[in-house]
């Protein structure tokens, strides 16, 4: 009987340790996901800015070609 109780106590302790570890892992993954999302948003912002700059450069270049002729 005592062996059964000891085994149950060990099993419960293992469960609690595993649960805490998984909760920590989830928290770390959430932090990493937030950082990745912020990085993605910043990259998207930069892409839009660069696309606009390319359009403006094309417009200037096209304007200079028209004037040169």
N, C-alpha and C. Protein backbone atom coordinates (compact mmCIF):
# COMPACT_ATOMS: atom_id res chain seq x y z
N UNK A 1 0.82 -1.19 0.00
CA UNK A 1 0.00 0.00 0.00
C UNK A 1 0.86 1.26 0.00
N UNK A 2 1.90 1.25 0.84
CA UNK A 2 2.79 2.40 0.92
C UNK A 2 3.51 2.63 -0.41
N UNK A 3 3.90 1.55 -1.05
CA UNK A 3 4.58 1.65 -2.34
C UNK A 3 3.67 2.31 -3.37
N UNK A 4 2.40 1.97 -3.32
CA UNK A 4 1.43 2.56 -4.24
C UNK A 4 1.29 4.06 -3.97
N UNK A 5 1.23 4.44 -2.71
CA UNK A 5 1.13 5.85 -2.36
C UNK A 5 2.40 6.61 -2.77
N UNK A 6 3.55 5.99 -2.56
CA UNK A 6 4.81 6.62 -2.96
C UNK A 6 4.87 6.80 -4.48
N UNK A 7 4.45 5.80 -5.21
CA UNK A 7 4.45 5.87 -6.66
C UNK A 7 3.48 6.96 -7.14
N UNK A 8 2.34 7.05 -6.49
CA UNK A 8 1.37 8.07 -6.86
C UNK A 8 1.92 9.47 -6.56
N UNK A 9 2.60 9.63 -5.44
CA UNK A 9 3.19 10.91 -5.07
C UNK A 9 4.28 11.30 -6.07
N UNK A 10 5.12 10.33 -6.46
CA UNK A 10 6.16 10.61 -7.45
C UNK A 10 5.54 10.99 -8.79
N UNK A 11 4.49 10.27 -9.16
CA UNK A 11 3.82 10.57 -10.42
C UNK A 11 3.22 11.97 -10.42
N UNK A 12 2.63 12.34 -9.28
CA UNK A 12 2.03 13.67 -9.18
C UNK A 12 3.13 14.74 -9.22
N UNK A 13 4.24 14.49 -8.53
CA UNK A 13 5.35 15.44 -8.55
C UNK A 13 5.92 15.59 -9.95
N UNK A 14 6.06 14.48 -10.66
CA UNK A 14 6.53 14.52 -12.04
C UNK A 14 5.57 15.32 -12.91
N UNK A 15 4.29 15.10 -12.70
CA UNK A 15 3.28 15.82 -13.46
C UNK A 15 3.39 17.33 -13.22
N UNK A 16 3.54 17.72 -11.96
CA UNK A 16 3.63 19.14 -11.63
C UNK A 16 4.88 19.75 -12.25
N UNK A 17 6.01 19.06 -12.17
CA UNK A 17 7.25 19.56 -12.78
C UNK A 17 7.10 19.71 -14.30
N UNK A 18 6.52 18.71 -14.91
CA UNK A 18 6.32 18.75 -16.36
C UNK A 18 5.38 19.89 -16.75
N UNK A 19 4.32 20.06 -15.98
CA UNK A 19 3.36 21.13 -16.26
C UNK A 19 4.04 22.49 -16.14
N UNK A 20 4.82 22.70 -15.10
CA UNK A 20 5.52 23.98 -14.93
C UNK A 20 6.50 24.21 -16.07
N UNK A 21 7.22 23.18 -16.47
CA UNK A 21 8.17 23.30 -17.56
C UNK A 21 7.45 23.67 -18.86
N UNK A 22 6.34 23.02 -19.12
CA UNK A 22 5.59 23.32 -20.34
C UNK A 22 5.02 24.74 -20.30
N UNK A 23 4.58 25.19 -19.13
CA UNK A 23 4.09 26.56 -19.00
C UNK A 23 5.21 27.56 -19.26
N UNK A 24 6.41 27.28 -18.77
CA UNK A 24 7.56 28.15 -19.03
C UNK A 24 7.89 28.15 -20.52
N UNK A 25 7.85 26.98 -21.13
CA UNK A 25 8.12 26.88 -22.57
C UNK A 25 7.11 27.71 -23.36
N UNK A 26 5.85 27.63 -22.97
CA UNK A 26 4.80 28.39 -23.65
C UNK A 26 5.06 29.88 -23.51
N UNK A 27 5.42 30.32 -22.30
CA UNK A 27 5.70 31.74 -22.09
C UNK A 27 6.87 32.20 -22.94
N UNK A 28 7.93 31.40 -23.01
CA UNK A 28 9.08 31.75 -23.83
C UNK A 28 8.71 31.81 -25.31
N UNK A 29 7.89 30.88 -25.75
CA UNK A 29 7.46 30.88 -27.15
C UNK A 29 6.58 32.09 -27.46
N UNK A 30 5.74 32.49 -26.50
CA UNK A 30 4.91 33.67 -26.70
C UNK A 30 5.77 34.92 -26.82
N UNK A 31 6.79 35.02 -25.99
CA UNK A 31 7.70 36.17 -26.07
C UNK A 31 8.42 36.17 -27.42
N UNK A 32 8.89 35.01 -27.84
CA UNK A 32 9.58 34.91 -29.14
C UNK A 32 8.63 35.26 -30.28
N UNK A 33 7.38 34.81 -30.19
CA UNK A 33 6.40 35.12 -31.22
C UNK A 33 6.13 36.61 -31.29
N UNK A 34 5.99 37.25 -30.14
CA UNK A 34 5.78 38.70 -30.11
C UNK A 34 6.94 39.43 -30.77
N UNK A 35 8.16 39.01 -30.45
CA UNK A 35 9.34 39.64 -31.04
C UNK A 35 9.36 39.42 -32.56
N UNK A 36 9.03 38.22 -32.99
CA UNK A 36 9.01 37.92 -34.42
C UNK A 36 7.94 38.75 -35.13
N UNK A 37 6.80 38.91 -34.50
CA UNK A 37 5.72 39.71 -35.10
C UNK A 37 6.12 41.18 -35.20
N UNK A 38 6.81 41.69 -34.17
CA UNK A 38 7.29 43.07 -34.23
C UNK A 38 8.32 43.23 -35.36
N UNK A 39 9.20 42.25 -35.48
CA UNK A 39 10.19 42.29 -36.56
C UNK A 39 9.54 42.23 -37.93
N UNK A 40 8.53 41.38 -38.07
CA UNK A 40 7.81 41.28 -39.35
C UNK A 40 7.12 42.58 -39.68
N UNK A 41 6.48 43.20 -38.69
CA UNK A 41 5.79 44.47 -38.92
C UNK A 41 6.78 45.56 -39.34
N UNK A 42 7.93 45.58 -38.70
CA UNK A 42 8.96 46.56 -39.06
C UNK A 42 9.46 46.29 -40.48
N UNK A 43 9.65 45.04 -40.84
CA UNK A 43 10.11 44.69 -42.19
C UNK A 43 9.07 45.09 -43.23
N UNK A 44 7.80 44.86 -42.94
CA UNK A 44 6.74 45.25 -43.87
C UNK A 44 6.72 46.76 -44.05
N UNK A 45 6.92 47.49 -42.96
CA UNK A 45 6.95 48.95 -43.03
C UNK A 45 8.11 49.40 -43.92
N UNK A 46 9.27 48.77 -43.76
CA UNK A 46 10.43 49.12 -44.58
C UNK A 46 10.20 48.78 -46.05
N UNK A 47 9.57 47.64 -46.32
CA UNK A 47 9.30 47.25 -47.71
C UNK A 47 8.39 48.29 -48.37
N UNK A 48 7.36 48.71 -47.67
CA UNK A 48 6.45 49.73 -48.23
C UNK A 48 7.20 51.03 -48.49
N UNK A 49 8.07 51.41 -47.55
CA UNK A 49 8.84 52.64 -47.72
C UNK A 49 9.76 52.52 -48.93
N UNK A 50 10.44 51.38 -49.08
CA UNK A 50 11.34 51.19 -50.21
C UNK A 50 10.57 51.14 -51.53
N UNK A 51 9.39 50.53 -51.51
CA UNK A 51 8.58 50.50 -52.74
C UNK A 51 8.20 51.91 -53.16
N UNK A 52 7.84 52.73 -52.20
CA UNK A 52 7.48 54.12 -52.51
C UNK A 52 8.69 54.87 -53.05
N UNK A 53 9.85 54.64 -52.46
CA UNK A 53 11.06 55.29 -52.95
C UNK A 53 11.38 54.87 -54.39
N UNK A 54 11.16 53.60 -54.70
CA UNK A 54 11.40 53.11 -56.07
C UNK A 54 10.45 53.79 -57.04
N UNK A 55 9.19 53.92 -56.65
CA UNK A 55 8.22 54.60 -57.52
C UNK A 55 8.66 56.04 -57.76
N UNK A 56 9.08 56.71 -56.70
CA UNK A 56 9.52 58.09 -56.84
C UNK A 56 10.76 58.21 -57.72
N UNK A 57 11.68 57.28 -57.57
CA UNK A 57 12.89 57.30 -58.39
C UNK A 57 12.53 57.07 -59.85
N UNK A 58 11.61 56.16 -60.12
CA UNK A 58 11.17 55.91 -61.50
C UNK A 58 10.50 57.15 -62.07
N UNK A 59 9.71 57.83 -61.25
CA UNK A 59 9.04 59.04 -61.73
C UNK A 59 10.05 60.12 -62.06
N UNK A 60 11.05 60.27 -61.21
CA UNK A 60 12.09 61.27 -61.47
C UNK A 60 12.88 60.90 -62.72
N UNK A 61 13.23 59.63 -62.82
CA UNK A 61 13.99 59.17 -63.98
C UNK A 61 13.17 59.34 -65.26
N UNK A 62 11.89 59.02 -65.20
CA UNK A 62 11.04 59.18 -66.37
C UNK A 62 10.91 60.66 -66.74
N UNK A 63 10.83 61.51 -65.75
CA UNK A 63 10.74 62.94 -65.99
C UNK A 63 12.01 63.49 -66.63
N UNK A 64 13.14 63.01 -66.20
CA UNK A 64 14.41 63.47 -66.77
C UNK A 64 14.55 62.99 -68.20
N UNK A 65 14.09 61.80 -68.51
CA UNK A 65 14.17 61.28 -69.88
C UNK A 65 13.30 62.12 -70.82
N UNK A 66 12.14 62.53 -70.34
CA UNK A 66 11.24 63.33 -71.17
C UNK A 66 11.86 64.68 -71.44
N UNK A 67 12.46 65.28 -70.43
CA UNK A 67 13.07 66.61 -70.59
C UNK A 67 14.29 66.54 -71.52
N UNK A 68 15.02 65.45 -71.44
CA UNK A 68 16.24 65.32 -72.25
C UNK A 68 15.92 65.20 -73.72
N UNK A 69 14.78 64.76 -74.08
CA UNK A 69 14.43 64.61 -75.48
C UNK A 69 13.85 65.88 -75.94
